[in-house]
PDB file of all heavy atoms in Angstrom:
ATOM      1  N   SER A   1       0.824  -1.210   0.000  1.00  0.00           N
ATOM      2  CA  SER A   1       0.000   0.000   0.000  1.00  0.00           C
ATOM      3  C   SER A   1       0.864   1.268   0.000  1.00  0.00           C
ATOM      4  O   SER A   1       0.337   2.362   0.109  1.00  0.00           O
ATOM      5  CB  SER A   1      -0.957  -0.005   1.191  1.00  0.00           C
ATOM      6  OG  SER A   1      -0.228  -0.038   2.402  1.00  0.00           O
ATOM      7  N   ASN A   2       2.181   1.077  -0.123  1.00  0.00           N
ATOM      8  CA  ASN A   2       3.137   2.181  -0.224  1.00  0.00           C
ATOM      9  C   ASN A   2       3.057   3.109   0.997  1.00  0.00           C
ATOM     10  O   ASN A   2       3.116   4.321   0.864  1.00  0.00           O
ATOM     11  CB  ASN A   2       2.924   2.952  -1.534  1.00  0.00           C
ATOM     12  CG  ASN A   2       4.234   3.438  -2.122  1.00  0.00           C
ATOM     13  OD1 ASN A   2       5.312   3.041  -1.697  1.00  0.00           O
ATOM     14  ND2 ASN A   2       4.146   4.304  -3.105  1.00  0.00           N
ATOM     15  N   GLN A   3       2.957   2.503   2.165  1.00  0.00           N
ATOM     16  CA  GLN A   3       2.858   3.238   3.426  1.00  0.00           C
ATOM     17  C   GLN A   3       3.989   2.828   4.365  1.00  0.00           C
ATOM     18  O   GLN A   3       4.397   1.677   4.359  1.00  0.00           O
ATOM     19  CB  GLN A   3       1.550   2.919   4.154  1.00  0.00           C
ATOM     20  CG  GLN A   3       0.287   3.247   3.428  1.00  0.00           C
ATOM     21  CD  GLN A   3      -0.911   2.872   4.285  1.00  0.00           C
ATOM     22  OE1 GLN A   3      -0.982   3.211   5.456  1.00  0.00           O
ATOM     23  NE2 GLN A   3      -1.838   2.145   3.695  1.00  0.00           N
ATOM     24  N   ARG A   4       4.449   3.760   5.160  1.00  0.00           N
ATOM     25  CA  ARG A   4       5.402   3.489   6.246  1.00  0.00           C
ATOM     26  C   ARG A   4       6.483   2.494   5.805  1.00  0.00           C
ATOM     27  O   ARG A   4       6.672   1.437   6.401  1.00  0.00           O
ATOM     28  CB  ARG A   4       4.639   3.001   7.484  1.00  0.00           C
ATOM     29  CG  ARG A   4       3.662   4.050   7.952  1.00  0.00           C
ATOM     30  CD  ARG A   4       2.677   3.704   9.042  1.00  0.00           C
ATOM     31  NE  ARG A   4       2.758   2.485   9.767  1.00  0.00           N
ATOM     32  CZ  ARG A   4       1.689   1.748  10.099  1.00  0.00           C
ATOM     33  NH1 ARG A   4       0.478   2.128   9.737  1.00  0.00           N
ATOM     34  NH2 ARG A   4       1.840   0.656  10.805  1.00  0.00           N
ATOM     35  N   LEU A   5       7.167   2.855   4.741  1.00  0.00           N
ATOM     36  CA  LEU A   5       8.120   1.930   4.111  1.00  0.00           C
ATOM     37  C   LEU A   5       9.302   1.592   5.012  1.00  0.00           C
ATOM     38  O   LEU A   5       9.814   0.467   4.954  1.00  0.00           O
ATOM     39  CB  LEU A   5       8.590   2.482   2.776  1.00  0.00           C
ATOM     40  CG  LEU A   5       7.491   2.602   1.708  1.00  0.00           C
ATOM     41  CD1 LEU A   5       8.043   3.234   0.443  1.00  0.00           C
ATOM     42  CD2 LEU A   5       6.857   1.251   1.414  1.00  0.00           C
ATOM     43  N   ASP A   6       9.734   2.515   5.847  1.00  0.00           N
ATOM     44  CA  ASP A   6      10.823   2.191   6.777  1.00  0.00           C
ATOM     45  C   ASP A   6      10.380   1.122   7.773  1.00  0.00           C
ATOM     46  O   ASP A   6      11.131   0.199   8.083  1.00  0.00           O
ATOM     47  CB  ASP A   6      11.301   3.450   7.512  1.00  0.00           C
ATOM     48  CG  ASP A   6      12.034   4.418   6.600  1.00  0.00           C
ATOM     49  OD1 ASP A   6      12.519   3.996   5.527  1.00  0.00           O
ATOM     50  OD2 ASP A   6      12.121   5.609   6.960  1.00  0.00           O
ATOM     51  N   GLU A   7       9.160   1.254   8.258  1.00  0.00           N
ATOM     52  CA  GLU A   7       8.610   0.244   9.162  1.00  0.00           C
ATOM     53  C   GLU A   7       8.449  -1.091   8.445  1.00  0.00           C
ATOM     54  O   GLU A   7       8.762  -2.155   9.002  1.00  0.00           O
ATOM     55  CB  GLU A   7       7.271   0.718   9.720  1.00  0.00           C
ATOM     56  CG  GLU A   7       6.650  -0.237  10.708  1.00  0.00           C
ATOM     57  CD  GLU A   7       5.308   0.236  11.245  1.00  0.00           C
ATOM     58  OE1 GLU A   7       4.938   1.407  11.041  1.00  0.00           O
ATOM     59  OE2 GLU A   7       4.621  -0.593  11.878  1.00  0.00           O
ATOM     60  N   ALA A   8       7.969  -1.050   7.215  1.00  0.00           N
ATOM     61  CA  ALA A   8       7.823  -2.273   6.425  1.00  0.00           C
ATOM     62  C   ALA A   8       9.174  -2.967   6.274  1.00  0.00           C
ATOM     63  O   ALA A   8       9.280  -4.185   6.439  1.00  0.00           O
ATOM     64  CB  ALA A   8       7.234  -1.957   5.055  1.00  0.00           C
ATOM     65  N   PHE A   9      10.215  -2.181   5.995  1.00  0.00           N
ATOM     66  CA  PHE A   9      11.564  -2.741   5.846  1.00  0.00           C
ATOM     67  C   PHE A   9      12.010  -3.415   7.139  1.00  0.00           C
ATOM     68  O   PHE A   9      12.545  -4.528   7.121  1.00  0.00           O
ATOM     69  CB  PHE A   9      12.557  -1.644   5.435  1.00  0.00           C
ATOM     70  CG  PHE A   9      13.953  -2.145   5.267  1.00  0.00           C
ATOM     71  CD1 PHE A   9      14.355  -2.717   4.073  1.00  0.00           C
ATOM     72  CD2 PHE A   9      14.867  -2.058   6.306  1.00  0.00           C
ATOM     73  CE1 PHE A   9      15.647  -3.203   3.915  1.00  0.00           C
ATOM     74  CE2 PHE A   9      16.164  -2.532   6.165  1.00  0.00           C
ATOM     75  CZ  PHE A   9      16.554  -3.103   4.962  1.00  0.00           C
ATOM     76  N   THR A  10      11.781  -2.757   8.273  1.00  0.00           N
ATOM     77  CA  THR A  10      12.176  -3.317   9.571  1.00  0.00           C
ATOM     78  C   THR A  10      11.444  -4.624   9.843  1.00  0.00           C
ATOM     79  O   THR A  10      12.054  -5.612  10.271  1.00  0.00           O
ATOM     80  CB  THR A  10      11.899  -2.298  10.691  1.00  0.00           C
ATOM     81  OG1 THR A  10      12.677  -1.113  10.436  1.00  0.00           O
ATOM     82  CG2 THR A  10      12.266  -2.853  12.056  1.00  0.00           C
ATOM     83  N   LEU A  11      10.144  -4.640   9.602  1.00  0.00           N
ATOM     84  CA  LEU A  11       9.350  -5.851   9.834  1.00  0.00           C
ATOM     85  C   LEU A  11       9.805  -7.009   8.956  1.00  0.00           C
ATOM     86  O   LEU A  11      10.003  -8.132   9.435  1.00  0.00           O
ATOM     87  CB  LEU A  11       7.869  -5.550   9.583  1.00  0.00           C
ATOM     88  CG  LEU A  11       7.187  -4.627  10.593  1.00  0.00           C
ATOM     89  CD1 LEU A  11       5.888  -4.077  10.014  1.00  0.00           C
ATOM     90  CD2 LEU A  11       6.929  -5.375  11.902  1.00  0.00           C
ATOM     91  N   VAL A  12       9.973  -6.744   7.676  1.00  0.00           N
ATOM     92  CA  VAL A  12      10.356  -7.814   6.752  1.00  0.00           C
ATOM     93  C   VAL A  12      11.797  -8.252   7.005  1.00  0.00           C
ATOM     94  O   VAL A  12      12.118  -9.440   6.907  1.00  0.00           O
ATOM     95  CB  VAL A  12      10.114  -7.398   5.287  1.00  0.00           C
ATOM     96  CG1 VAL A  12      10.603  -8.468   4.329  1.00  0.00           C
ATOM     97  CG2 VAL A  12       8.632  -7.133   5.048  1.00  0.00           C
ATOM     98  N   SER A  13      12.665  -7.330   7.376  1.00  0.00           N
ATOM     99  CA  SER A  13      14.049  -7.697   7.720  1.00  0.00           C
ATOM    100  C   SER A  13      14.069  -8.679   8.880  1.00  0.00           C
ATOM    101  O   SER A  13      14.810  -9.667   8.862  1.00  0.00           O
ATOM    102  CB  SER A  13      14.865  -6.461   8.088  1.00  0.00           C
ATOM    103  OG  SER A  13      15.069  -5.645   6.973  1.00  0.00           O
ATOM    104  N   ARG A  14      13.260  -8.411   9.892  1.00  0.00           N
ATOM    105  CA  ARG A  14      13.188  -9.314  11.050  1.00  0.00           C
ATOM    106  C   ARG A  14      12.628 -10.670  10.622  1.00  0.00           C
ATOM    107  O   ARG A  14      13.130 -11.712  11.025  1.00  0.00           O
ATOM    108  CB  ARG A  14      12.324  -8.693  12.154  1.00  0.00           C
ATOM    109  CG  ARG A  14      12.182  -9.567  13.369  1.00  0.00           C
ATOM    110  CD  ARG A  14      13.500  -9.750  14.118  1.00  0.00           C
ATOM    111  NE  ARG A  14      13.286 -10.667  15.232  1.00  0.00           N
ATOM    112  CZ  ARG A  14      14.057 -11.718  15.482  1.00  0.00           C
ATOM    113  NH1 ARG A  14      15.118 -11.965  14.744  1.00  0.00           N
ATOM    114  NH2 ARG A  14      13.774 -12.513  16.487  1.00  0.00           N
ATOM    115  N   ALA A  15      11.612 -10.669   9.800  1.00  0.00           N
ATOM    116  CA  ALA A  15      11.047 -11.927   9.309  1.00  0.00           C
ATOM    117  C   ALA A  15      12.100 -12.716   8.537  1.00  0.00           C
ATOM    118  O   ALA A  15      12.200 -13.937   8.674  1.00  0.00           O
ATOM    119  CB  ALA A  15       9.832 -11.657   8.428  1.00  0.00           C
ATOM    120  N   LEU A  16      12.901 -12.010   7.765  1.00  0.00           N
ATOM    121  CA  LEU A  16      13.938 -12.657   6.961  1.00  0.00           C
ATOM    122  C   LEU A  16      15.033 -13.262   7.845  1.00  0.00           C
ATOM    123  O   LEU A  16      15.581 -14.322   7.531  1.00  0.00           O
ATOM    124  CB  LEU A  16      14.535 -11.634   5.992  1.00  0.00           C
ATOM    125  CG  LEU A  16      15.139 -12.116   4.699  1.00  0.00           C
ATOM    126  CD1 LEU A  16      14.226 -13.069   3.959  1.00  0.00           C
ATOM    127  CD2 LEU A  16      15.482 -10.926   3.829  1.00  0.00           C
ATOM    128  N   GLU A  17      15.334 -12.604   8.973  1.00  0.00           N
ATOM    129  CA  GLU A  17      16.288 -13.179   9.931  1.00  0.00           C
ATOM    130  C   GLU A  17      15.762 -14.506  10.470  1.00  0.00           C
ATOM    131  O   GLU A  17      16.534 -15.441  10.686  1.00  0.00           O
ATOM    132  CB  GLU A  17      16.507 -12.226  11.109  1.00  0.00           C
ATOM    133  CG  GLU A  17      17.296 -10.989  10.785  1.00  0.00           C
ATOM    134  CD  GLU A  17      17.337 -10.006  11.958  1.00  0.00           C
ATOM    135  OE1 GLU A  17      16.937 -10.383  13.094  1.00  0.00           O
ATOM    136  OE2 GLU A  17      17.754  -8.855  11.737  1.00  0.00           O
ATOM    137  N   LEU A  18      14.466 -14.565  10.701  1.00  0.00           N
ATOM    138  CA  LEU A  18      13.845 -15.761  11.270  1.00  0.00           C
ATOM    139  C   LEU A  18      13.637 -16.871  10.246  1.00  0.00           C
ATOM    140  O   LEU A  18      13.651 -18.047  10.597  1.00  0.00           O
ATOM    141  CB  LEU A  18      12.498 -15.385  11.904  1.00  0.00           C
ATOM    142  CG  LEU A  18      12.586 -14.419  13.084  1.00  0.00           C
ATOM    143  CD1 LEU A  18      11.209 -13.836  13.403  1.00  0.00           C
ATOM    144  CD2 LEU A  18      13.172 -15.121  14.305  1.00  0.00           C
ATOM    145  N   ALA A  19      13.424 -16.500   8.998  1.00  0.00           N
ATOM    146  CA  ALA A  19      13.142 -17.489   7.940  1.00  0.00           C
ATOM    147  C   ALA A  19      13.829 -17.048   6.647  1.00  0.00           C
ATOM    148  O   ALA A  19      13.174 -16.574   5.713  1.00  0.00           O
ATOM    149  CB  ALA A  19      11.644 -17.636   7.749  1.00  0.00           C
ATOM    150  N   PRO A  20      15.161 -17.176   6.588  1.00  0.00           N
ATOM    151  CA  PRO A  20      15.925 -16.617   5.457  1.00  0.00           C
ATOM    152  C   PRO A  20      15.674 -17.267   4.099  1.00  0.00           C
ATOM    153  O   PRO A  20      15.996 -16.666   3.074  1.00  0.00           O
ATOM    154  CB  PRO A  20      17.376 -16.805   5.889  1.00  0.00           C
ATOM    155  CG  PRO A  20      17.354 -17.883   6.909  1.00  0.00           C
ATOM    156  CD  PRO A  20      16.023 -17.811   7.582  1.00  0.00           C
ATOM    157  N   ASP A  21      15.083 -18.442   4.070  1.00  0.00           N
ATOM    158  CA  ASP A  21      14.852 -19.124   2.801  1.00  0.00           C
ATOM    159  C   ASP A  21      13.382 -19.169   2.409  1.00  0.00           C
ATOM    160  O   ASP A  21      12.995 -19.954   1.534  1.00  0.00           O
ATOM    161  CB  ASP A  21      15.424 -20.546   2.855  1.00  0.00           C
ATOM    162  CG  ASP A  21      16.935 -20.537   3.000  1.00  0.00           C
ATOM    163  OD1 ASP A  21      17.589 -19.677   2.378  1.00  0.00           O
ATOM    164  OD2 ASP A  21      17.468 -21.377   3.753  1.00  0.00           O
ATOM    165  N   SER A  22      12.583 -18.333   3.026  1.00  0.00           N
ATOM    166  CA  SER A  22      11.153 -18.302   2.700  1.00  0.00           C
ATOM    167  C   SER A  22      10.930 -17.502   1.424  1.00  0.00           C
ATOM    168  O   SER A  22      11.218 -16.297   1.388  1.00  0.00           O
ATOM    169  CB  SER A  22      10.370 -17.654   3.847  1.00  0.00           C
ATOM    170  OG  SER A  22       9.064 -17.311   3.413  1.00  0.00           O
ATOM    171  N   PRO A  23      10.397 -18.134   0.381  1.00  0.00           N
ATOM    172  CA  PRO A  23      10.124 -17.386  -0.846  1.00  0.00           C
ATOM    173  C   PRO A  23       9.182 -16.199  -0.618  1.00  0.00           C
ATOM    174  O   PRO A  23       9.380 -15.129  -1.197  1.00  0.00           O
ATOM    175  CB  PRO A  23       9.486 -18.419  -1.779  1.00  0.00           C
ATOM    176  CG  PRO A  23       9.897 -19.740  -1.243  1.00  0.00           C
ATOM    177  CD  PRO A  23      10.068 -19.555   0.235  1.00  0.00           C
ATOM    178  N   ALA A  24       8.182 -16.384   0.236  1.00  0.00           N
ATOM    179  CA  ALA A  24       7.229 -15.293   0.490  1.00  0.00           C
ATOM    180  C   ALA A  24       7.920 -14.099   1.143  1.00  0.00           C
ATOM    181  O   ALA A  24       7.646 -12.945   0.795  1.00  0.00           O
ATOM    182  CB  ALA A  24       6.086 -15.794   1.371  1.00  0.00           C
ATOM    183  N   ILE A  25       8.815 -14.359   2.070  1.00  0.00           N
ATOM    184  CA  ILE A  25       9.503 -13.271   2.761  1.00  0.00           C
ATOM    185  C   ILE A  25      10.536 -12.627   1.845  1.00  0.00           C
ATOM    186  O   ILE A  25      10.683 -11.396   1.839  1.00  0.00           O
ATOM    187  CB  ILE A  25      10.108 -13.757   4.097  1.00  0.00           C
ATOM    188  CG1 ILE A  25       8.974 -14.239   5.028  1.00  0.00           C
ATOM    189  CG2 ILE A  25      10.910 -12.646   4.769  1.00  0.00           C
ATOM    190  CD1 ILE A  25       9.442 -14.921   6.295  1.00  0.00           C
ATOM    191  N   LEU A  26      11.226 -13.415   1.054  1.00  0.00           N
ATOM    192  CA  LEU A  26      12.153 -12.849   0.067  1.00  0.00           C
ATOM    193  C   LEU A  26      11.389 -11.962  -0.915  1.00  0.00           C
ATOM    194  O   LEU A  26      11.860 -10.876  -1.285  1.00  0.00           O
ATOM    195  CB  LEU A  26      12.890 -13.962  -0.678  1.00  0.00           C
ATOM    196  CG  LEU A  26      13.925 -14.731   0.145  1.00  0.00           C
ATOM    197  CD1 LEU A  26      14.308 -16.028  -0.572  1.00  0.00           C
ATOM    198  CD2 LEU A  26      15.147 -13.878   0.413  1.00  0.00           C
ATOM    199  N   ASP A  27      10.214 -12.414  -1.330  1.00  0.00           N
ATOM    200  CA  ASP A  27       9.368 -11.618  -2.214  1.00  0.00           C
ATOM    201  C   ASP A  27       8.990 -10.297  -1.545  1.00  0.00           C
ATOM    202  O   ASP A  27       9.061  -9.233  -2.159  1.00  0.00           O
ATOM    203  CB  ASP A  27       8.109 -12.406  -2.584  1.00  0.00           C
ATOM    204  CG  ASP A  27       7.104 -11.581  -3.370  1.00  0.00           C
ATOM    205  OD1 ASP A  27       7.411 -11.195  -4.510  1.00  0.00           O
ATOM    206  OD2 ASP A  27       6.017 -11.306  -2.828  1.00  0.00           O
ATOM    207  N   SER A  28       8.603 -10.367  -0.289  1.00  0.00           N
ATOM    208  CA  SER A  28       8.231  -9.152   0.439  1.00  0.00           C
ATOM    209  C   SER A  28       9.391  -8.173   0.526  1.00  0.00           C
ATOM    210  O   SER A  28       9.207  -6.964   0.342  1.00  0.00           O
ATOM    211  CB  SER A  28       7.746  -9.497   1.848  1.00  0.00           C
ATOM    212  OG  SER A  28       6.547 -10.229   1.795  1.00  0.00           O
TER     213      SER A  28
END
């Protein structure tokens, strides 16, 4: 939705730390 992109980056970065090989998270 092109909102709060810095927050989105932080959230997805944390998700990626937890699941680095998840295609859905890599896509995000």
